[in-house]
Protein backbone atom coordinates (compact mmCIF):
# COMPACT_ATOMS: atom_id res chain seq x y z
CA MET A 1 0.02 -0.10 0.14
CA ILE A 2 1.20 3.57 -0.85
CA ARG A 3 -0.12 6.44 1.14
CA PHE A 4 -0.12 10.15 -0.04
CA ILE A 5 -1.18 13.67 0.92
CA HIS A 6 -2.38 15.90 -1.88
CA LEU A 7 -2.68 19.65 -1.23
CA ALA A 8 -2.62 22.75 -3.43
CA ASP A 9 -3.04 26.56 -3.32
CA VAL A 10 -1.35 27.15 0.05
CA HIS A 11 -0.60 30.70 -1.03
CA LEU A 12 2.21 31.35 1.55
CA GLY A 13 2.64 35.16 1.71
CA ALA A 14 -0.99 36.00 1.09
CA VAL A 15 -2.53 38.66 3.34
CA PRO A 16 -6.46 37.74 3.18
CA ASP A 17 -8.79 40.65 4.02
CA ARG A 18 -6.12 43.18 3.98
CA GLY A 19 -7.10 46.12 6.12
CA CYS A 20 -9.35 44.12 8.51
CA PRO A 21 -8.30 43.80 12.21
CA TRP A 22 -7.46 40.09 11.70
CA SER A 23 -5.60 40.15 8.38
CA SER A 24 -2.18 40.14 9.84
CA GLU A 25 -3.06 36.98 11.92
CA ARG A 26 -4.32 35.37 8.61
CA GLU A 27 -0.79 35.86 6.89
CA GLU A 28 0.84 33.93 9.70
CA GLU A 29 -1.96 31.30 10.11
CA ILE A 30 -1.50 30.22 6.47
CA TRP A 31 2.29 29.46 7.26
CA GLU A 32 1.29 27.92 10.51
CA THR A 33 -1.35 25.49 8.91
CA PHE A 34 1.19 24.50 6.22
CA ARG A 35 3.69 23.80 9.09
CA ARG A 36 1.01 21.71 10.84
CA VAL A 37 0.54 19.52 7.79
CA ILE A 38 4.21 18.90 7.73
CA ALA A 39 4.32 18.14 11.32
CA SER A 40 1.42 15.65 11.00
CA ILE A 41 3.39 13.80 8.24
CA SER A 42 6.48 13.61 10.51
CA LYS A 43 4.45 12.10 13.19
CA ASN A 44 2.47 9.63 10.88
CA PRO A 45 4.66 9.41 7.84
CA VAL A 46 3.15 8.75 4.20
CA GLU A 47 5.14 7.77 1.11
CA LEU A 48 4.15 10.78 -1.04
CA LEU A 49 3.22 14.45 -0.70
CA PHE A 50 1.91 16.21 -3.85
CA ILE A 51 1.65 20.08 -3.94
CA ALA A 52 -0.14 21.02 -7.09
CA GLY A 53 0.97 24.55 -7.57
CA ASP A 54 0.66 27.95 -5.95
CA LEU A 55 2.61 26.92 -2.78
CA PHE A 56 3.26 30.81 -2.77
CA HIS A 57 1.02 33.60 -3.36
CA ARG A 58 3.60 35.36 -5.41
CA GLN A 59 7.32 35.01 -6.30
CA PRO A 60 8.94 33.35 -3.24
CA LEU A 61 11.76 35.05 -1.31
CA LEU A 62 15.00 33.07 -0.87
CA ARG A 63 14.38 33.00 2.91
CA GLU A 64 10.92 31.54 2.25
CA LEU A 65 12.33 28.80 0.13
CA LYS A 66 14.76 27.93 2.61
CA GLU A 67 12.04 27.74 5.32
CA VAL A 68 9.90 25.51 3.19
CA ASN A 69 12.89 23.33 2.42
CA TYR A 70 13.76 22.85 6.12
CA LEU A 71 10.29 21.63 6.73
CA PHE A 72 10.73 19.21 3.98
CA SER A 73 13.80 18.01 5.54
CA THR A 74 11.96 17.01 8.57
CA ILE A 75 9.95 14.42 6.59
CA PRO A 76 12.88 12.69 4.80
CA ASP A 77 11.05 9.27 4.17
CA THR A 78 8.26 11.20 2.23
CA CYS A 79 8.96 11.97 -1.46
CA VAL A 80 7.63 15.48 -2.22
CA PHE A 81 6.50 16.48 -5.84
CA LEU A 82 6.27 20.22 -6.17
CA MET A 83 5.35 22.53 -9.12
CA ALA A 84 5.02 26.14 -9.73
CA GLY A 85 1.55 27.52 -10.44
CA ASN A 86 0.24 30.68 -11.98
CA HIS A 87 0.64 32.71 -8.81
CA ASP A 88 4.33 31.62 -8.17
CA TYR A 89 5.21 31.00 -11.75
CA MET A 90 8.89 30.84 -12.69
CA LYS A 91 9.97 34.28 -13.80
CA GLN A 92 13.54 34.80 -15.34
CA ASP A 93 14.80 35.87 -12.01
CA SER A 94 12.85 33.46 -9.81
CA PHE A 95 14.73 31.86 -6.98
CA TYR A 96 13.04 28.65 -8.00
CA ARG A 97 15.30 28.32 -10.93
CA THR A 98 18.48 27.86 -9.03
CA PHE A 99 17.37 26.65 -5.55
CA GLN A 100 18.73 23.43 -4.27
CA TRP A 101 15.97 21.32 -2.79
CA GLU A 102 16.24 18.59 -0.22
CA PRO A 103 17.08 14.91 -1.65
CA ASN A 104 13.36 13.91 -0.94
CA VAL A 105 11.96 16.85 -3.15
CA VAL A 106 11.09 16.77 -6.77
CA PHE A 107 10.61 20.18 -8.15
CA TYR A 108 9.42 20.30 -11.84
CA GLN A 109 11.70 22.97 -13.55
CA ASN A 110 10.23 22.94 -17.09
CA GLU A 111 6.94 24.06 -18.70
CA THR A 112 6.91 20.74 -20.63
CA PRO A 113 5.61 17.71 -18.95
CA LEU A 114 8.20 15.39 -17.34
CA THR A 115 7.71 12.10 -15.62
CA VAL A 116 9.74 11.44 -12.47
CA LYS A 117 10.15 7.90 -10.65
CA ALA A 118 9.94 8.19 -7.01
CA ALA A 119 12.94 6.81 -5.21
CA GLY A 120 12.65 3.34 -4.07
CA MET A 121 9.01 3.11 -5.26
CA ASP A 122 7.25 2.13 -8.44
CA VAL A 123 5.51 5.49 -8.49
CA TYR A 124 5.70 7.64 -11.67
CA VAL A 125 4.58 11.30 -11.30
CA THR A 126 4.09 13.49 -14.31
CA GLY A 127 4.19 17.19 -14.00
CA LEU A 128 5.49 20.65 -15.16
CA SER A 129 5.76 24.11 -13.66
CA TYR A 130 4.36 27.49 -14.99
CA HIS A 131 6.89 29.90 -16.59
CA HIS A 132 4.00 32.18 -17.39
CA GLN A 133 1.21 33.66 -15.46
CA GLU A 134 -1.24 32.37 -18.15
CA ILE A 135 -1.17 29.46 -20.27
CA THR A 136 -3.84 28.77 -22.76
CA GLU A 137 -2.66 25.57 -24.36
CA PRO A 138 -4.24 22.27 -22.95
CA LEU A 139 -0.98 20.93 -22.01
CA TYR A 140 -2.24 17.85 -20.02
CA ASP A 141 -5.10 16.63 -22.37
CA SER A 142 -2.94 14.25 -24.62
CA LEU A 143 -0.81 13.01 -21.77
CA LYS A 144 -0.31 9.28 -21.01
CA PRO A 145 1.43 7.48 -18.23
CA VAL A 146 4.62 5.59 -18.94
CA GLN A 147 4.38 1.90 -19.77
CA GLU A 148 5.62 0.71 -16.35
CA GLU A 149 3.81 -1.20 -13.66
CA GLY A 150 3.02 0.95 -10.68
CA PHE A 151 1.20 4.05 -9.34
CA HIS A 152 0.81 6.62 -12.17
CA VAL A 153 0.03 10.23 -10.96
CA LEU A 154 -0.52 13.45 -13.00
CA LEU A 155 0.32 16.64 -11.11
CA ALA A 156 -1.66 19.39 -12.75
CA HIS A 157 -2.53 23.14 -12.04
CA GLY A 158 -5.34 24.93 -13.96
CA GLY A 159 -8.49 23.95 -15.52
CA ASP A 160 -9.96 27.31 -16.99
CA GLU A 161 -9.44 29.29 -20.32
CA LEU A 162 -6.41 31.09 -19.05
CA HIS A 163 -4.69 28.41 -17.04
CA VAL A 164 -4.21 25.27 -18.93
CA PRO A 165 -7.79 24.31 -20.05
CA MET A 166 -8.56 20.56 -19.39
CA ASP A 167 -10.72 18.06 -20.94
CA TRP A 168 -12.06 15.92 -18.15
CA LYS A 169 -13.20 13.01 -20.43
CA ALA A 170 -9.61 12.87 -22.14
CA LEU A 171 -8.05 12.83 -18.42
CA ALA A 172 -10.50 10.16 -17.38
CA ALA A 173 -9.49 8.05 -20.06
CA SER A 174 -5.74 8.74 -20.00
CA GLY A 175 -4.69 5.98 -17.82
CA PHE A 176 -3.37 7.93 -14.77
CA ASP A 177 -4.44 6.18 -11.58
CA TYR A 178 -4.67 9.81 -9.81
CA VAL A 179 -4.74 13.23 -11.21
CA ALA A 180 -3.68 15.61 -8.37
CA LEU A 181 -5.18 19.01 -9.35
CA GLY A 182 -4.53 22.60 -8.08
CA HIS A 183 -5.98 26.11 -9.02
CA ILE A 184 -9.52 25.99 -7.93
CA HIS A 185 -9.80 27.11 -4.25
CA LYS A 186 -13.02 25.21 -3.36
CA PRO A 187 -12.59 21.39 -2.79
CA GLN A 188 -14.14 19.68 -5.88
CA THR A 189 -14.17 16.00 -7.03
CA VAL A 190 -14.15 15.78 -10.86
CA LEU A 191 -14.11 11.91 -10.74
CA ARG A 192 -14.29 10.14 -7.54
CA ASP A 193 -10.98 8.97 -6.09
CA ARG A 194 -9.17 9.75 -9.32
CA ILE A 195 -9.38 13.37 -10.28
CA ILE A 196 -9.61 15.93 -7.40
CA TYR A 197 -9.19 19.45 -6.44
CA PRO A 198 -8.45 19.48 -2.85
CA GLY A 199 -8.95 23.35 -2.71
CA ALA A 200 -6.97 25.95 -0.82
CA LEU A 201 -5.43 24.62 2.30
CA GLU A 202 -6.64 27.88 4.16
CA PRO A 203 -9.37 30.09 2.65
CA ILE A 204 -7.74 32.88 0.90
CA ASP A 205 -10.64 35.44 0.36
CA ARG A 206 -14.20 35.76 1.27
CA ASN A 207 -15.43 33.72 -1.71
CA ASP A 208 -13.69 30.56 -0.37
CA MET A 209 -16.68 29.47 1.57
CA GLY A 210 -16.94 26.16 3.63
CA GLU A 211 -14.34 23.79 4.90
CA HIS A 212 -10.67 23.73 3.54
CA GLY A 213 -7.90 21.25 3.96
CA TYR A 214 -6.35 18.46 1.94
CA VAL A 215 -6.82 15.05 0.23
CA GLU A 216 -5.53 11.87 2.11
CA GLY A 217 -5.29 8.79 -0.19
CA ARG A 218 -3.85 5.47 -0.51
CA PHE A 219 -2.95 3.20 -3.58
CA GLU A 220 -3.57 -0.53 -3.11
CA ASP A 221 -4.19 -3.43 -5.51
CA GLY A 222 -4.29 -1.05 -8.42
CA ARG A 223 -7.07 1.19 -6.99
CA VAL A 224 -7.05 4.61 -5.15
CA LYS A 225 -9.26 5.49 -2.22
CA THR A 226 -9.37 9.12 -0.92
CA ARG A 227 -10.92 11.25 1.71
CA PHE A 228 -11.02 14.83 2.41
CA VAL A 229 -9.35 16.19 5.76
CA PRO A 230 -10.55 19.49 6.97
CA PHE A 231 -7.58 21.23 8.28
CA ALA A 232 -7.84 25.03 8.13
CA CYS A 233 -7.82 26.95 11.24
CA ARG A 234 -10.76 29.11 10.12
CA SER A 235 -13.41 29.13 7.45
CA TYR A 236 -15.64 31.76 5.58
CA GLN A 237 -19.17 31.27 6.35
CA LYS A 238 -22.53 32.84 5.48
CA LEU A 239 -24.55 33.99 8.58
CA MET A 240 -28.32 34.41 7.85
CA LEU A 241 -30.22 36.47 10.40
CA THR A 242 -34.08 36.73 10.11
CA LEU A 243 -35.79 39.74 11.56
CA ARG A 244 -39.48 40.01 12.51
CA GLU A 245 -41.73 43.00 13.07
CA ASP A 246 -40.89 43.12 16.75
CA SER A 247 -37.01 43.04 16.10
CA THR A 248 -34.80 45.83 17.22
CA GLN A 249 -31.21 46.70 16.68
CA TYR A 250 -30.45 45.48 20.23
CA SER A 251 -32.37 42.16 19.80
CA LEU A 252 -30.39 41.77 16.43
CA GLU A 253 -27.17 42.28 18.11
CA GLU A 254 -27.91 39.61 20.66
CA MET A 255 -29.06 37.29 17.97
CA MET A 256 -25.97 37.58 16.10
CA LYS A 257 -23.71 37.28 19.41
CA MET A 258 -25.55 33.84 20.01
CA ASP A 259 -24.92 32.63 16.52
CA LEU A 260 -21.20 33.62 16.44
CA MET A 261 -20.77 31.89 19.78
CA LYS A 262 -22.47 28.59 18.29
CA ARG A 263 -20.45 28.81 15.00
CA GLY A 264 -17.01 29.80 16.42
CA GLY A 265 -15.59 33.32 16.97
CA ARG A 266 -12.48 32.62 14.83
CA ASN A 267 -14.54 32.11 11.60
CA ILE A 268 -15.09 34.97 9.20
CA TYR A 269 -18.61 35.96 8.20
CA LYS A 270 -20.63 37.39 5.58
CA VAL A 271 -23.97 38.48 7.36
CA ILE A 272 -27.08 38.55 5.48
CA LEU A 273 -30.24 40.19 7.12
CA GLN A 274 -33.57 38.84 5.96
CA GLY A 275 -37.18 39.02 6.93
CA TYR A 276 -39.81 41.77 7.55
CA ARG A 277 -39.05 44.60 10.11
CA ALA A 278 -41.32 47.20 11.49
CA PRO A 279 -41.22 50.32 8.94
CA GLU A 280 -39.85 52.57 11.83
CA THR A 281 -36.91 50.11 12.79
CA LEU A 282 -33.58 51.36 11.80
CA ILE A 283 -30.72 48.97 11.35
CA PHE A 284 -27.11 50.10 11.84
CA PRO A 285 -24.81 47.42 10.03
CA GLU A 286 -21.45 48.97 11.19
CA LYS A 287 -22.42 48.36 14.92
CA LEU A 288 -22.93 44.65 13.88
CA LYS A 289 -19.55 44.60 12.25
CA ASN A 290 -17.91 45.27 15.71
CA LEU A 291 -19.35 41.98 17.05
CA GLY A 292 -17.06 39.62 15.34
CA ASN A 293 -14.98 38.95 12.31
CA VAL A 294 -17.44 40.39 9.63
CA THR A 295 -16.42 41.13 6.02
CA GLU A 296 -19.70 42.23 4.79
CA ILE A 297 -23.19 42.79 5.91
CA LEU A 298 -26.10 42.60 3.30
CA ASP A 299 -29.54 44.21 4.43
CA GLU A 300 -32.22 42.20 2.59
CA THR A 301 -34.93 43.03 5.00
CA ARG A 302 -38.06 44.85 3.97
CA PRO A 303 -40.59 47.09 5.91
CA ALA A 304 -43.60 45.07 7.03
CA TYR A 305 -46.08 46.87 4.77
CA ASP A 306 -49.36 45.57 3.68
CA LEU A 307 -48.96 46.72 0.13
CA GLU A 308 -52.52 45.62 -1.08
CA ALA A 309 -54.13 47.42 1.79
CA LEU A 310 -51.96 50.56 1.39
CA ARG A 311 -52.79 50.46 -2.42
CA LYS A 312 -56.55 50.54 -1.68
CA ARG A 313 -56.16 53.17 1.10
CA TYR A 314 -54.23 55.50 -1.04
CA SER A 315 -55.93 54.70 -4.34
CA GLY A 316 -56.16 57.83 -6.73
CA THR A 317 -53.01 59.29 -4.75
CA LEU A 318 -49.24 59.39 -5.58
CA VAL A 319 -48.64 56.80 -3.00
CA GLY A 320 -51.34 54.42 -4.37
CA ASP A 321 -50.03 54.92 -8.14
CA TYR A 322 -46.52 54.36 -6.99
CA ILE A 323 -47.42 50.92 -5.37
CA GLY A 324 -49.43 50.00 -8.19
CA TYR A 325 -46.70 50.59 -10.65
CA PHE A 326 -44.72 47.98 -8.93
CA LEU A 327 -47.42 45.48 -8.09
CA ASP A 328 -48.61 45.34 -11.62
CA LYS A 329 -45.27 43.94 -12.98
CA GLU A 330 -42.69 41.43 -12.36
CA CYS A 331 -40.13 43.22 -10.02
CA THR A 332 -36.35 42.54 -10.09
CA LEU A 333 -34.64 42.54 -6.88
CA VAL A 334 -33.41 46.12 -7.43
CA GLU A 335 -37.07 47.14 -8.28
CA GLU A 336 -38.27 45.49 -5.05
CA LYS A 337 -35.94 47.41 -3.02
CA ALA A 338 -36.76 50.70 -4.89
CA LEU A 339 -40.47 50.02 -4.06
CA TYR A 340 -39.80 49.58 -0.35
CA TYR A 341 -37.34 52.50 -0.07
CA GLY A 342 -39.53 54.93 -2.07
CA LEU A 343 -42.64 53.90 -0.21
CA GLN A 344 -40.88 54.61 3.11
CA ALA A 345 -39.68 57.91 1.92
CA LEU A 346 -43.21 58.98 0.61
CA LEU A 347 -44.93 57.94 3.90
CA GLU A 348 -42.37 59.68 6.13
CA THR A 349 -42.03 62.99 4.20
CA GLY A 350 -45.52 64.24 5.03
CA LEU A 351 -46.44 64.70 1.47
CA PRO A 352 -50.19 64.83 0.75
CA THR A 353 -51.34 61.29 0.35
CA GLY A 354 -55.08 61.56 0.75
CA LYS A 355 -57.46 61.62 -2.11
CA ALA A 356 -58.11 64.95 -3.98
């Protein structure tokens, strides 16, 4: 049996949510989570570690490569296969080009595919590194594994129009036992146990919702079995809060505090306010941001108006005509918001609303 860990898109050096109070912590947490992965391998060794591109968020500094190389030296019995992706692609002056890696590390220097046999194992890994930020040619689609008995792996980064487009049917039929993908930050399985994006090790921006971690797998009797291992120290989550007519700013804040306590105070939230509130109730989103790690607050609440009753009451007036204009058509979300904001303004300005 051969065991492996597959991770990608670590983005060392990234500073998520720059300008937010927790952003400096996030930069170090990305490094720390990568160190934790290596430490877990040191305690429970696996034969192979695949890193499918974008280990760094930008061109790596020499001291950063030395730091990573030291970490690899602590797992000498694990063969590490590493490639440069579109973020840390190999510029002409990249330190990647001349860096001397530990003996257990295979770094793909070229932008053309190369197959490397793992030391002491019947394992054959095909890969390449980006020399450009964008590669529009489908470099992987026609690849086939070498004609040798063993475990055949394709290490690949991309999958969209600007970053090595991929034909999933061609890859599924290629003969590789496992395709270790990188580039997409959300964990995705293209073909069960065979073609997998592990997603970013730590979420990098507010769109990287949900769990993050790596793929753990084993190759035995010609078959691969995998499982996803959640490993990130935080996650980005949506928090939906529903208001009622009796809700107030204070009750909303208490509701949010309770939900944050249940979900975990370290996580980072996009808060969405829903439901119907009393027309006179005012919501102050900035005060809610002070309650936790909140990147954005969307107020989708509506004043609790009985539109049909108001339409009848103000029939023949500006207010009645305004309500009728919207009720007599299929409204978009923007138009629906305009209806409520405009109606509230009309009713609160003291404009004559009675019948002439």
